[in-house]
Protein backbone atom coordinates (compact mmCIF):
# COMPACT_ATOMS: atom_id res chain seq x y z
CA MET A 1 -12.90 -8.62 6.17
CA GLU A 2 -10.65 -10.16 8.76
CA GLN A 3 -6.89 -10.06 8.41
CA GLY A 4 -4.47 -12.63 9.52
CA LYS A 5 -1.52 -14.31 8.74
CA VAL A 6 -1.25 -17.98 6.67
CA THR A 7 0.53 -20.11 9.20
CA ALA A 8 0.23 -23.43 7.47
CA LEU A 9 -0.27 -24.57 3.67
CA ASP A 10 -0.53 -27.67 2.04
CA ILE A 11 -1.63 -27.34 -1.48
CA SER A 12 -1.73 -31.02 -2.18
CA ALA A 13 -3.89 -31.88 0.79
CA GLY A 14 -6.38 -28.73 -0.08
CA VAL A 15 -5.96 -27.29 3.42
CA GLY A 16 -4.27 -23.85 5.00
CA VAL A 17 -4.66 -22.41 8.35
CA ILE A 18 -4.68 -18.64 9.25
CA ASN A 19 -3.43 -16.84 12.42
CA PRO A 20 -6.22 -13.96 12.84
CA ASP A 21 -4.83 -10.45 13.84
CA ASP A 22 -7.32 -10.54 16.65
CA LYS A 23 -5.69 -13.35 18.18
CA ALA A 24 -8.60 -15.41 17.92
CA GLU A 25 -8.34 -19.38 17.38
CA GLU A 26 -6.34 -20.58 14.27
CA LEU A 27 -8.77 -21.01 11.24
CA PRO A 28 -8.47 -23.48 8.81
CA PHE A 29 -9.56 -23.04 4.99
CA LEU A 30 -9.89 -25.04 2.04
CA THR A 31 -7.63 -24.06 -1.04
CA SER A 32 -10.21 -25.43 -3.44
CA SER A 33 -12.25 -22.19 -2.25
CA VAL A 34 -9.39 -20.00 -3.06
CA PRO A 35 -8.85 -18.94 -6.53
CA GLU A 36 -5.16 -17.89 -5.90
CA ALA A 37 -4.17 -20.66 -3.38
CA ARG A 38 -1.13 -21.51 -5.58
CA SER A 39 0.52 -18.03 -5.01
CA LEU A 40 -0.23 -17.86 -0.97
CA LYS A 41 2.89 -18.97 1.21
CA PRO A 42 3.30 -19.13 4.45
CA GLU A 43 3.27 -16.31 6.72
CA GLN A 44 1.82 -14.28 4.14
CA ARG A 45 -0.81 -11.57 5.24
CA VAL A 46 -4.31 -12.43 4.00
CA LYS A 47 -7.87 -10.83 4.13
CA TYR A 48 -10.98 -13.52 4.51
CA GLU A 49 -14.40 -14.09 5.95
CA VAL A 50 -15.39 -16.17 8.61
CA VAL A 51 -18.13 -19.00 8.06
CA TRP A 52 -19.35 -21.78 10.03
CA GLY A 53 -18.13 -24.84 8.50
CA ALA A 54 -18.69 -28.80 9.12
CA THR A 55 -16.20 -28.59 12.08
CA GLY A 56 -16.72 -25.05 13.39
CA PRO A 57 -15.27 -21.64 12.09
CA GLU A 58 -13.49 -21.72 9.02
CA ALA A 59 -11.92 -18.78 6.63
CA THR A 60 -13.34 -18.45 3.13
CA ASP A 61 -12.80 -15.80 0.47
CA VAL A 62 -9.26 -15.98 1.31
CA GLN A 63 -7.42 -13.36 -0.55
CA PRO A 64 -3.28 -12.17 -0.33
CA LEU A 65 -3.06 -8.54 0.77
CA LYS A 66 -1.58 -6.32 -1.28
CA ARG A 67 1.27 -4.14 0.62
CA GLY A 68 -0.17 -0.71 1.19
CA LYS A 69 -3.25 -0.84 -0.70
CA ASP A 70 -5.09 -3.43 1.81
CA ASP A 71 -3.18 -3.73 4.99
CA GLY A 72 -3.55 -0.09 6.12
CA SER A 73 0.03 0.70 5.95
CA GLU A 74 -0.20 3.03 2.80
CA GLY A 75 1.02 6.27 3.50
CA ALA A 76 1.58 5.43 7.04
CA HIS A 77 5.54 6.02 6.87
CA GLN A 78 4.99 9.50 5.02
CA VAL A 79 5.96 12.36 6.69
CA ALA A 80 3.49 15.22 6.34
CA GLN A 81 4.88 18.33 4.61
CA PRO A 82 4.43 21.59 6.16
CA ARG A 83 2.23 24.19 4.15
């Protein structure tokens, strides 16, 4: 799955936008396809799949990242203990 950050979100309009980590073009997504859409917030990190939609690439299966578990930071700040 790809990762990025929600840059815009309009629940009432049913759309959002993700800025991918790989600096690719921003991707729109439909909030109706996101079970946790109401819990998403702008600037929140997410993981998603990219599909070809009616107007080009779009994000689907958007899921909030859980700090540490999904974003690769788990254990990143731990210092190895000498043996």
